[in-house]
ModelCIF file with pLDDT and N, C-alpha, C, O atoms, coordinates in Angstrom:
data_MODEL
#
_entry.id   MODEL 
#
_entity.id                         1 
_entity.type                       polymer 
_entity.pdbx_number_of_molecules   1 
#
_entity_poly.entity_id                      1 
_entity_poly.type                           'polypeptide(L)' 
_entity_poly.nstd_linkage                   no 
_entity_poly.nstd_monomer                   no 
_entity_poly.pdbx_seq_one_letter_code       EKLISRLIDEARAIGYSKILLDSDPYMSSAHGLYKSMGFVETAPYS 
_entity_poly.pdbx_seq_one_letter_code_can   EKLISRLIDEARAIGYSKILLDSDPYMSSAHGLYKSMGFVETAPYS 
_entity_poly.pdbx_strand_id                 A 
#
loop_
_entity_poly_seq.entity_id 
_entity_poly_seq.num 
_entity_poly_seq.mon_id 
_entity_poly_seq.hetero 
1 1  GLU n 
1 2  LYS n 
1 3  LEU n 
1 4  ILE n 
1 5  SER n 
1 6  ARG n 
1 7  LEU n 
1 8  ILE n 
1 9  ASP n 
1 10 GLU n 
1 11 ALA n 
1 12 ARG n 
1 13 ALA n 
1 14 ILE n 
1 15 GLY n 
1 16 TYR n 
1 17 SER n 
1 18 LYS n 
1 19 ILE n 
1 20 LEU n 
1 21 LEU n 
1 22 ASP n 
1 23 SER n 
1 24 ASP n 
1 25 PRO n 
1 26 TYR n 
1 27 MET n 
1 28 SER n 
1 29 SER n 
1 30 ALA n 
1 31 HIS n 
1 32 GLY n 
1 33 LEU n 
1 34 TYR n 
1 35 LYS n 
1 36 SER n 
1 37 MET n 
1 38 GLY n 
1 39 PHE n 
1 40 VAL n 
1 41 GLU n 
1 42 THR n 
1 43 ALA n 
1 44 PRO n 
1 45 TYR n 
1 46 SER n 
#
_struct_asym.id          A 
_struct_asym.entity_id   1 
#
loop_
_ma_qa_metric.id 
_ma_qa_metric.mode 
_ma_qa_metric.name 
_ma_qa_metric.software_group_id 
_ma_qa_metric.type 
1 global pLDDT . pLDDT 
2 local  pLDDT . pLDDT 
#
_ma_qa_metric_global.metric_id      1 
_ma_qa_metric_global.metric_value   95.02 
_ma_qa_metric_global.model_id       1 
_ma_qa_metric_global.ordinal_id     1 
#
loop_
_ma_qa_metric_local.label_asym_id 
_ma_qa_metric_local.label_comp_id 
_ma_qa_metric_local.label_seq_id 
_ma_qa_metric_local.metric_id 
_ma_qa_metric_local.metric_value 
_ma_qa_metric_local.model_id 
_ma_qa_metric_local.ordinal_id 
A GLU 1  2 97.00 1 1  
A LYS 2  2 97.00 1 2  
A LEU 3  2 98.00 1 3  
A ILE 4  2 98.00 1 4  
A SER 5  2 97.00 1 5  
A ARG 6  2 98.00 1 6  
A LEU 7  2 98.00 1 7  
A ILE 8  2 98.00 1 8  
A ASP 9  2 98.00 1 9  
A GLU 10 2 97.00 1 10 
A ALA 11 2 98.00 1 11 
A ARG 12 2 98.00 1 12 
A ALA 13 2 97.00 1 13 
A ILE 14 2 97.00 1 14 
A GLY 15 2 98.00 1 15 
A TYR 16 2 98.00 1 16 
A SER 17 2 98.00 1 17 
A LYS 18 2 98.00 1 18 
A ILE 19 2 98.00 1 19 
A LEU 20 2 98.00 1 20 
A LEU 21 2 97.00 1 21 
A ASP 22 2 94.00 1 22 
A SER 23 2 92.00 1 23 
A ASP 24 2 85.00 1 24 
A PRO 25 2 84.00 1 25 
A TYR 26 2 81.00 1 26 
A MET 27 2 86.00 1 27 
A SER 28 2 87.00 1 28 
A SER 29 2 89.00 1 29 
A ALA 30 2 92.00 1 30 
A HIS 31 2 93.00 1 31 
A GLY 32 2 95.00 1 32 
A LEU 33 2 96.00 1 33 
A TYR 34 2 97.00 1 34 
A LYS 35 2 97.00 1 35 
A SER 36 2 97.00 1 36 
A MET 37 2 97.00 1 37 
A GLY 38 2 98.00 1 38 
A PHE 39 2 98.00 1 39 
A VAL 40 2 98.00 1 40 
A GLU 41 2 97.00 1 41 
A THR 42 2 96.00 1 42 
A ALA 43 2 94.00 1 43 
A PRO 44 2 92.00 1 44 
A TYR 45 2 94.00 1 45 
A SER 46 2 91.00 1 46 
#
loop_
_atom_site.group_PDB 
_atom_site.id 
_atom_site.type_symbol 
_atom_site.label_atom_id 
_atom_site.label_alt_id 
_atom_site.label_comp_id 
_atom_site.label_asym_id 
_atom_site.label_entity_id 
_atom_site.label_seq_id 
_atom_site.pdbx_PDB_ins_code 
_atom_site.Cartn_x 
_atom_site.Cartn_y 
_atom_site.Cartn_z 
_atom_site.occupancy 
_atom_site.B_iso_or_equiv 
_atom_site.pdbx_formal_charge 
_atom_site.auth_seq_id 
_atom_site.auth_comp_id 
_atom_site.auth_asym_id 
_atom_site.auth_atom_id 
_atom_site.pdbx_PDB_model_num 
ATOM 1   N N  . GLU A 1 1  ? 110.368 85.331  106.857 1.00 97.00 ? 1  GLU A N  1 
ATOM 2   C CA . GLU A 1 1  ? 109.747 84.328  105.991 1.00 97.00 ? 1  GLU A CA 1 
ATOM 3   C C  . GLU A 1 1  ? 108.288 84.685  105.702 1.00 97.00 ? 1  GLU A C  1 
ATOM 4   O O  . GLU A 1 1  ? 107.832 84.566  104.565 1.00 97.00 ? 1  GLU A O  1 
ATOM 5   N N  . LYS A 1 2  ? 107.570 85.116  106.715 1.00 97.00 ? 2  LYS A N  1 
ATOM 6   C CA . LYS A 1 2  ? 106.162 85.489  106.539 1.00 97.00 ? 2  LYS A CA 1 
ATOM 7   C C  . LYS A 1 2  ? 106.033 86.712  105.627 1.00 97.00 ? 2  LYS A C  1 
ATOM 8   O O  . LYS A 1 2  ? 105.139 86.771  104.783 1.00 97.00 ? 2  LYS A O  1 
ATOM 9   N N  . LEU A 1 3  ? 106.925 87.680  105.802 1.00 98.00 ? 3  LEU A N  1 
ATOM 10  C CA . LEU A 1 3  ? 106.891 88.874  104.955 1.00 98.00 ? 3  LEU A CA 1 
ATOM 11  C C  . LEU A 1 3  ? 107.182 88.527  103.495 1.00 98.00 ? 3  LEU A C  1 
ATOM 12  O O  . LEU A 1 3  ? 106.471 88.975  102.596 1.00 98.00 ? 3  LEU A O  1 
ATOM 13  N N  . ILE A 1 4  ? 108.219 87.735  103.262 1.00 98.00 ? 4  ILE A N  1 
ATOM 14  C CA . ILE A 1 4  ? 108.567 87.366  101.889 1.00 98.00 ? 4  ILE A CA 1 
ATOM 15  C C  . ILE A 1 4  ? 107.453 86.548  101.250 1.00 98.00 ? 4  ILE A C  1 
ATOM 16  O O  . ILE A 1 4  ? 107.085 86.783  100.099 1.00 98.00 ? 4  ILE A O  1 
ATOM 17  N N  . SER A 1 5  ? 106.922 85.597  101.990 1.00 97.00 ? 5  SER A N  1 
ATOM 18  C CA . SER A 1 5  ? 105.842 84.759  101.456 1.00 97.00 ? 5  SER A CA 1 
ATOM 19  C C  . SER A 1 5  ? 104.635 85.601  101.048 1.00 97.00 ? 5  SER A C  1 
ATOM 20  O O  . SER A 1 5  ? 104.074 85.414  99.968  1.00 97.00 ? 5  SER A O  1 
ATOM 21  N N  . ARG A 1 6  ? 104.248 86.515  101.909 1.00 98.00 ? 6  ARG A N  1 
ATOM 22  C CA . ARG A 1 6  ? 103.107 87.386  101.594 1.00 98.00 ? 6  ARG A CA 1 
ATOM 23  C C  . ARG A 1 6  ? 103.422 88.285  100.396 1.00 98.00 ? 6  ARG A C  1 
ATOM 24  O O  . ARG A 1 6  ? 102.557 88.525  99.553  1.00 98.00 ? 6  ARG A O  1 
ATOM 25  N N  . LEU A 1 7  ? 104.664 88.781  100.322 1.00 98.00 ? 7  LEU A N  1 
ATOM 26  C CA . LEU A 1 7  ? 105.060 89.637  99.199  1.00 98.00 ? 7  LEU A CA 1 
ATOM 27  C C  . LEU A 1 7  ? 105.017 88.870  97.882  1.00 98.00 ? 7  LEU A C  1 
ATOM 28  O O  . LEU A 1 7  ? 104.589 89.414  96.864  1.00 98.00 ? 7  LEU A O  1 
ATOM 29  N N  . ILE A 1 8  ? 105.450 87.631  97.891  1.00 98.00 ? 8  ILE A N  1 
ATOM 30  C CA . ILE A 1 8  ? 105.390 86.792  96.685  1.00 98.00 ? 8  ILE A CA 1 
ATOM 31  C C  . ILE A 1 8  ? 103.933 86.618  96.258  1.00 98.00 ? 8  ILE A C  1 
ATOM 32  O O  . ILE A 1 8  ? 103.616 86.743  95.074  1.00 98.00 ? 8  ILE A O  1 
ATOM 33  N N  . ASP A 1 9  ? 103.052 86.332  97.205  1.00 98.00 ? 9  ASP A N  1 
ATOM 34  C CA . ASP A 1 9  ? 101.620 86.202  96.895  1.00 98.00 ? 9  ASP A CA 1 
ATOM 35  C C  . ASP A 1 9  ? 101.072 87.495  96.300  1.00 98.00 ? 9  ASP A C  1 
ATOM 36  O O  . ASP A 1 9  ? 100.317 87.465  95.329  1.00 98.00 ? 9  ASP A O  1 
ATOM 37  N N  . GLU A 1 10 ? 101.453 88.626  96.884  1.00 97.00 ? 10 GLU A N  1 
ATOM 38  C CA . GLU A 1 10 ? 100.985 89.928  96.382  1.00 97.00 ? 10 GLU A CA 1 
ATOM 39  C C  . GLU A 1 10 ? 101.520 90.189  94.974  1.00 97.00 ? 10 GLU A C  1 
ATOM 40  O O  . GLU A 1 10 ? 100.789 90.686  94.118  1.00 97.00 ? 10 GLU A O  1 
ATOM 41  N N  . ALA A 1 11 ? 102.781 89.859  94.731  1.00 98.00 ? 11 ALA A N  1 
ATOM 42  C CA . ALA A 1 11 ? 103.369 90.062  93.399  1.00 98.00 ? 11 ALA A CA 1 
ATOM 43  C C  . ALA A 1 11 ? 102.632 89.232  92.351  1.00 98.00 ? 11 ALA A C  1 
ATOM 44  O O  . ALA A 1 11 ? 102.364 89.715  91.250  1.00 98.00 ? 11 ALA A O  1 
ATOM 45  N N  . ARG A 1 12 ? 102.312 88.008  92.683  1.00 98.00 ? 12 ARG A N  1 
ATOM 46  C CA . ARG A 1 12 ? 101.545 87.150  91.759  1.00 98.00 ? 12 ARG A CA 1 
ATOM 47  C C  . ARG A 1 12 ? 100.165 87.751  91.496  1.00 98.00 ? 12 ARG A C  1 
ATOM 48  O O  . ARG A 1 12 ? 99.702  87.791  90.357  1.00 98.00 ? 12 ARG A O  1 
ATOM 49  N N  . ALA A 1 13 ? 99.520  88.216  92.555  1.00 97.00 ? 13 ALA A N  1 
ATOM 50  C CA . ALA A 1 13 ? 98.173  88.787  92.411  1.00 97.00 ? 13 ALA A CA 1 
ATOM 51  C C  . ALA A 1 13 ? 98.191  90.041  91.530  1.00 97.00 ? 13 ALA A C  1 
ATOM 52  O O  . ALA A 1 13 ? 97.251  90.279  90.772  1.00 97.00 ? 13 ALA A O  1 
ATOM 53  N N  . ILE A 1 14 ? 99.235  90.824  91.627  1.00 97.00 ? 14 ILE A N  1 
ATOM 54  C CA . ILE A 1 14 ? 99.365  92.014  90.784  1.00 97.00 ? 14 ILE A CA 1 
ATOM 55  C C  . ILE A 1 14 ? 99.579  91.619  89.330  1.00 97.00 ? 14 ILE A C  1 
ATOM 56  O O  . ILE A 1 14 ? 99.160  92.339  88.423  1.00 97.00 ? 14 ILE A O  1 
ATOM 57  N N  . GLY A 1 15 ? 100.232 90.474  89.100  1.00 98.00 ? 15 GLY A N  1 
ATOM 58  C CA . GLY A 1 15 ? 100.483 90.012  87.745  1.00 98.00 ? 15 GLY A CA 1 
ATOM 59  C C  . GLY A 1 15 ? 101.941 90.025  87.321  1.00 98.00 ? 15 GLY A C  1 
ATOM 60  O O  . GLY A 1 15 ? 102.242 89.906  86.133  1.00 98.00 ? 15 GLY A O  1 
ATOM 61  N N  . TYR A 1 16 ? 102.840 90.167  88.267  1.00 98.00 ? 16 TYR A N  1 
ATOM 62  C CA . TYR A 1 16 ? 104.268 90.138  87.939  1.00 98.00 ? 16 TYR A CA 1 
ATOM 63  C C  . TYR A 1 16 ? 104.699 88.719  87.582  1.00 98.00 ? 16 TYR A C  1 
ATOM 64  O O  . TYR A 1 16 ? 104.157 87.746  88.106  1.00 98.00 ? 16 TYR A O  1 
ATOM 65  N N  . SER A 1 17 ? 105.683 88.609  86.683  1.00 98.00 ? 17 SER A N  1 
ATOM 66  C CA . SER A 1 17 ? 106.237 87.307  86.324  1.00 98.00 ? 17 SER A CA 1 
ATOM 67  C C  . SER A 1 17 ? 107.603 87.078  86.965  1.00 98.00 ? 17 SER A C  1 
ATOM 68  O O  . SER A 1 17 ? 108.133 85.967  86.941  1.00 98.00 ? 17 SER A O  1 
ATOM 69  N N  . LYS A 1 18 ? 108.168 88.143  87.540  1.00 98.00 ? 18 LYS A N  1 
ATOM 70  C CA . LYS A 1 18 ? 109.498 88.035  88.137  1.00 98.00 ? 18 LYS A CA 1 
ATOM 71  C C  . LYS A 1 18 ? 109.654 89.077  89.243  1.00 98.00 ? 18 LYS A C  1 
ATOM 72  O O  . LYS A 1 18 ? 109.118 90.182  89.169  1.00 98.00 ? 18 LYS A O  1 
ATOM 73  N N  . ILE A 1 19 ? 110.409 88.682  90.270  1.00 98.00 ? 19 ILE A N  1 
ATOM 74  C CA . ILE A 1 19 ? 110.807 89.604  91.334  1.00 98.00 ? 19 ILE A CA 1 
ATOM 75  C C  . ILE A 1 19 ? 112.333 89.639  91.348  1.00 98.00 ? 19 ILE A C  1 
ATOM 76  O O  . ILE A 1 19 ? 112.983 88.594  91.362  1.00 98.00 ? 19 ILE A O  1 
ATOM 77  N N  . LEU A 1 20 ? 112.896 90.835  91.344  1.00 98.00 ? 20 LEU A N  1 
ATOM 78  C CA . LEU A 1 20 ? 114.342 91.024  91.438  1.00 98.00 ? 20 LEU A CA 1 
ATOM 79  C C  . LEU A 1 20 ? 114.681 91.665  92.778  1.00 98.00 ? 20 LEU A C  1 
ATOM 80  O O  . LEU A 1 20 ? 113.818 92.257  93.427  1.00 98.00 ? 20 LEU A O  1 
ATOM 81  N N  . LEU A 1 21 ? 115.928 91.546  93.183  1.00 97.00 ? 21 LEU A N  1 
ATOM 82  C CA . LEU A 1 21 ? 116.400 92.263  94.366  1.00 97.00 ? 21 LEU A CA 1 
ATOM 83  C C  . LEU A 1 21 ? 117.908 92.425  94.303  1.00 97.00 ? 21 LEU A C  1 
ATOM 84  O O  . LEU A 1 21 ? 118.616 91.642  93.669  1.00 97.00 ? 21 LEU A O  1 
ATOM 85  N N  . ASP A 1 22 ? 118.380 93.468  94.983  1.00 94.00 ? 22 ASP A N  1 
ATOM 86  C CA . ASP A 1 22 ? 119.810 93.617  95.229  1.00 94.00 ? 22 ASP A CA 1 
ATOM 87  C C  . ASP A 1 22 ? 119.991 93.637  96.735  1.00 94.00 ? 22 ASP A C  1 
ATOM 88  O O  . ASP A 1 22 ? 119.149 94.157  97.467  1.00 94.00 ? 22 ASP A O  1 
ATOM 89  N N  . SER A 1 23 ? 121.089 93.069  97.188  1.00 92.00 ? 23 SER A N  1 
ATOM 90  C CA . SER A 1 23 ? 121.299 92.929  98.627  1.00 92.00 ? 23 SER A CA 1 
ATOM 91  C C  . SER A 1 23 ? 122.772 93.104  98.946  1.00 92.00 ? 23 SER A C  1 
ATOM 92  O O  . SER A 1 23 ? 123.647 92.650  98.208  1.00 92.00 ? 23 SER A O  1 
ATOM 93  N N  . ASP A 1 24 ? 123.022 93.766  100.052 1.00 85.00 ? 24 ASP A N  1 
ATOM 94  C CA . ASP A 1 24 ? 124.397 93.964  100.482 1.00 85.00 ? 24 ASP A CA 1 
ATOM 95  C C  . ASP A 1 24 ? 125.032 92.631  100.886 1.00 85.00 ? 24 ASP A C  1 
ATOM 96  O O  . ASP A 1 24 ? 124.342 91.744  101.387 1.00 85.00 ? 24 ASP A O  1 
ATOM 97  N N  . PRO A 1 25 ? 126.333 92.488  100.673 1.00 84.00 ? 25 PRO A N  1 
ATOM 98  C CA . PRO A 1 25 ? 126.998 91.211  100.948 1.00 84.00 ? 25 PRO A CA 1 
ATOM 99  C C  . PRO A 1 25 ? 126.978 90.797  102.416 1.00 84.00 ? 25 PRO A C  1 
ATOM 100 O O  . PRO A 1 25 ? 127.085 89.606  102.709 1.00 84.00 ? 25 PRO A O  1 
ATOM 101 N N  . TYR A 1 26 ? 126.847 91.733  103.338 1.00 81.00 ? 26 TYR A N  1 
ATOM 102 C CA . TYR A 1 26 ? 126.844 91.393  104.760 1.00 81.00 ? 26 TYR A CA 1 
ATOM 103 C C  . TYR A 1 26 ? 125.485 90.876  105.229 1.00 81.00 ? 26 TYR A C  1 
ATOM 104 O O  . TYR A 1 26 ? 125.334 90.532  106.401 1.00 81.00 ? 26 TYR A O  1 
ATOM 105 N N  . MET A 1 27 ? 124.510 90.816  104.351 1.00 86.00 ? 27 MET A N  1 
ATOM 106 C CA . MET A 1 27 ? 123.168 90.346  104.717 1.00 86.00 ? 27 MET A CA 1 
ATOM 107 C C  . MET A 1 27 ? 123.006 88.854  104.421 1.00 86.00 ? 27 MET A C  1 
ATOM 108 O O  . MET A 1 27 ? 122.034 88.444  103.788 1.00 86.00 ? 27 MET A O  1 
ATOM 109 N N  . SER A 1 28 ? 123.951 88.059  104.877 1.00 87.00 ? 28 SER A N  1 
ATOM 110 C CA . SER A 1 28 ? 123.961 86.633  104.545 1.00 87.00 ? 28 SER A CA 1 
ATOM 111 C C  . SER A 1 28 ? 122.727 85.898  105.076 1.00 87.00 ? 28 SER A C  1 
ATOM 112 O O  . SER A 1 28 ? 122.253 84.960  104.435 1.00 87.00 ? 28 SER A O  1 
ATOM 113 N N  . SER A 1 29 ? 122.207 86.300  106.219 1.00 89.00 ? 29 SER A N  1 
ATOM 114 C CA . SER A 1 29 ? 120.978 85.657  106.723 1.00 89.00 ? 29 SER A CA 1 
ATOM 115 C C  . SER A 1 29 ? 119.821 85.875  105.763 1.00 89.00 ? 29 SER A C  1 
ATOM 116 O O  . SER A 1 29 ? 119.041 84.960  105.497 1.00 89.00 ? 29 SER A O  1 
ATOM 117 N N  . ALA A 1 30 ? 119.715 87.105  105.240 1.00 92.00 ? 30 ALA A N  1 
ATOM 118 C CA . ALA A 1 30 ? 118.654 87.401  104.271 1.00 92.00 ? 30 ALA A CA 1 
ATOM 119 C C  . ALA A 1 30 ? 118.854 86.598  102.996 1.00 92.00 ? 30 ALA A C  1 
ATOM 120 O O  . ALA A 1 30 ? 117.884 86.115  102.413 1.00 92.00 ? 30 ALA A O  1 
ATOM 121 N N  . HIS A 1 31 ? 120.104 86.446  102.553 1.00 93.00 ? 31 HIS A N  1 
ATOM 122 C CA . HIS A 1 31 ? 120.372 85.669  101.330 1.00 93.00 ? 31 HIS A CA 1 
ATOM 123 C C  . HIS A 1 31 ? 119.881 84.237  101.499 1.00 93.00 ? 31 HIS A C  1 
ATOM 124 O O  . HIS A 1 31 ? 119.237 83.682  100.608 1.00 93.00 ? 31 HIS A O  1 
ATOM 125 N N  . GLY A 1 32 ? 120.187 83.651  102.640 1.00 95.00 ? 32 GLY A N  1 
ATOM 126 C CA . GLY A 1 32 ? 119.728 82.286  102.905 1.00 95.00 ? 32 GLY A CA 1 
ATOM 127 C C  . GLY A 1 32 ? 118.213 82.194  102.925 1.00 95.00 ? 32 GLY A C  1 
ATOM 128 O O  . GLY A 1 32 ? 117.636 81.234  102.415 1.00 95.00 ? 32 GLY A O  1 
ATOM 129 N N  . LEU A 1 33 ? 117.575 83.189  103.510 1.00 96.00 ? 33 LEU A N  1 
ATOM 130 C CA . LEU A 1 33 ? 116.113 83.214  103.559 1.00 96.00 ? 33 LEU A CA 1 
ATOM 131 C C  . LEU A 1 33 ? 115.528 83.335  102.155 1.00 96.00 ? 33 LEU A C  1 
ATOM 132 O O  . LEU A 1 33 ? 114.606 82.602  101.796 1.00 96.00 ? 33 LEU A O  1 
ATOM 133 N N  . TYR A 1 34 ? 116.065 84.259  101.364 1.00 97.00 ? 34 TYR A N  1 
ATOM 134 C CA . TYR A 1 34 ? 115.581 84.398  99.986  1.00 97.00 ? 34 TYR A CA 1 
ATOM 135 C C  . TYR A 1 34 ? 115.758 83.086  99.210  1.00 97.00 ? 34 TYR A C  1 
ATOM 136 O O  . TYR A 1 34 ? 114.848 82.663  98.498  1.00 97.00 ? 34 TYR A O  1 
ATOM 137 N N  . LYS A 1 35 ? 116.909 82.452  99.343  1.00 97.00 ? 35 LYS A N  1 
ATOM 138 C CA . LYS A 1 35 ? 117.148 81.191  98.636  1.00 97.00 ? 35 LYS A CA 1 
ATOM 139 C C  . LYS A 1 35 ? 116.155 80.125  99.074  1.00 97.00 ? 35 LYS A C  1 
ATOM 140 O O  . LYS A 1 35 ? 115.677 79.348  98.248  1.00 97.00 ? 35 LYS A O  1 
ATOM 141 N N  . SER A 1 36 ? 115.838 80.079  100.370 1.00 97.00 ? 36 SER A N  1 
ATOM 142 C CA . SER A 1 36 ? 114.877 79.089  100.859 1.00 97.00 ? 36 SER A CA 1 
ATOM 143 C C  . SER A 1 36 ? 113.478 79.335  100.294 1.00 97.00 ? 36 SER A C  1 
ATOM 144 O O  . SER A 1 36 ? 112.645 78.428  100.279 1.00 97.00 ? 36 SER A O  1 
ATOM 145 N N  . MET A 1 37 ? 113.220 80.559  99.829  1.00 97.00 ? 37 MET A N  1 
ATOM 146 C CA . MET A 1 37 ? 111.922 80.917  99.258  1.00 97.00 ? 37 MET A CA 1 
ATOM 147 C C  . MET A 1 37 ? 111.929 80.802  97.725  1.00 97.00 ? 37 MET A C  1 
ATOM 148 O O  . MET A 1 37 ? 110.941 81.144  97.075  1.00 97.00 ? 37 MET A O  1 
ATOM 149 N N  . GLY A 1 38 ? 113.042 80.320  97.145  1.00 98.00 ? 38 GLY A N  1 
ATOM 150 C CA . GLY A 1 38 ? 113.091 80.066  95.708  1.00 98.00 ? 38 GLY A CA 1 
ATOM 151 C C  . GLY A 1 38 ? 113.884 81.060  94.885  1.00 98.00 ? 38 GLY A C  1 
ATOM 152 O O  . GLY A 1 38 ? 114.013 80.883  93.674  1.00 98.00 ? 38 GLY A O  1 
ATOM 153 N N  . PHE A 1 39 ? 114.420 82.101  95.503  1.00 98.00 ? 39 PHE A N  1 
ATOM 154 C CA . PHE A 1 39 ? 115.232 83.062  94.772  1.00 98.00 ? 39 PHE A CA 1 
ATOM 155 C C  . PHE A 1 39 ? 116.576 82.433  94.404  1.00 98.00 ? 39 PHE A C  1 
ATOM 156 O O  . PHE A 1 39 ? 117.104 81.597  95.137  1.00 98.00 ? 39 PHE A O  1 
ATOM 157 N N  . VAL A 1 40 ? 117.117 82.843  93.266  1.00 98.00 ? 40 VAL A N  1 
ATOM 158 C CA . VAL A 1 40 ? 118.437 82.394  92.824  1.00 98.00 ? 40 VAL A CA 1 
ATOM 159 C C  . VAL A 1 40 ? 119.273 83.615  92.466  1.00 98.00 ? 40 VAL A C  1 
ATOM 160 O O  . VAL A 1 40 ? 118.744 84.662  92.092  1.00 98.00 ? 40 VAL A O  1 
ATOM 161 N N  . GLU A 1 41 ? 120.585 83.462  92.586  1.00 97.00 ? 41 GLU A N  1 
ATOM 162 C CA . GLU A 1 41 ? 121.468 84.571  92.228  1.00 97.00 ? 41 GLU A CA 1 
ATOM 163 C C  . GLU A 1 41 ? 121.420 84.804  90.723  1.00 97.00 ? 41 GLU A C  1 
ATOM 164 O O  . GLU A 1 41 ? 121.256 83.870  89.938  1.00 97.00 ? 41 GLU A O  1 
ATOM 165 N N  . THR A 1 42 ? 121.567 86.068  90.340  1.00 96.00 ? 42 THR A N  1 
ATOM 166 C CA . THR A 1 42 ? 121.492 86.470  88.940  1.00 96.00 ? 42 THR A CA 1 
ATOM 167 C C  . THR A 1 42 ? 122.471 87.617  88.704  1.00 96.00 ? 42 THR A C  1 
ATOM 168 O O  . THR A 1 42 ? 123.131 88.091  89.629  1.00 96.00 ? 42 THR A O  1 
ATOM 169 N N  . ALA A 1 43 ? 122.550 88.044  87.473  1.00 94.00 ? 43 ALA A N  1 
ATOM 170 C CA . ALA A 1 43 ? 123.408 89.179  87.118  1.00 94.00 ? 43 ALA A CA 1 
ATOM 171 C C  . ALA A 1 43 ? 122.766 90.487  87.578  1.00 94.00 ? 43 ALA A C  1 
ATOM 172 O O  . ALA A 1 43 ? 121.557 90.537  87.807  1.00 94.00 ? 43 ALA A O  1 
ATOM 173 N N  . PRO A 1 44 ? 123.569 91.548  87.716  1.00 92.00 ? 44 PRO A N  1 
ATOM 174 C CA . PRO A 1 44 ? 122.989 92.855  88.030  1.00 92.00 ? 44 PRO A CA 1 
ATOM 175 C C  . PRO A 1 44 ? 121.943 93.253  86.986  1.00 92.00 ? 44 PRO A C  1 
ATOM 176 O O  . PRO A 1 44 ? 122.031 92.849  85.827  1.00 92.00 ? 44 PRO A O  1 
ATOM 177 N N  . TYR A 1 45 ? 120.971 94.032  87.396  1.00 94.00 ? 45 TYR A N  1 
ATOM 178 C CA . TYR A 1 45 ? 119.928 94.490  86.481  1.00 94.00 ? 45 TYR A CA 1 
ATOM 179 C C  . TYR A 1 45 ? 119.971 96.010  86.416  1.00 94.00 ? 45 TYR A C  1 
ATOM 180 O O  . TYR A 1 45 ? 120.351 96.677  87.379  1.00 94.00 ? 45 TYR A O  1 
ATOM 181 N N  . SER A 1 46 ? 119.579 96.543  85.273  1.00 91.00 ? 46 SER A N  1 
ATOM 182 C CA . SER A 1 46 ? 119.779 97.972  84.993  1.00 91.00 ? 46 SER A CA 1 
ATOM 183 C C  . SER A 1 46 ? 118.985 98.889  85.922  1.00 91.00 ? 46 SER A C  1 
ATOM 184 O O  . SER A 1 46 ? 119.061 100.111 85.796  1.00 91.00 ? 46 SER A O  1 
#
């Protein structure tokens, strides 16, 4: 949680408007953590 929170702050400071990620299906704990930080599922990205 601390790592993701700091990364979000850093991304904003750099000037990004969006953060994407891909994650393996067996990483369900990480998925829950990302969702708790505001991430939502989306389509694959190129």
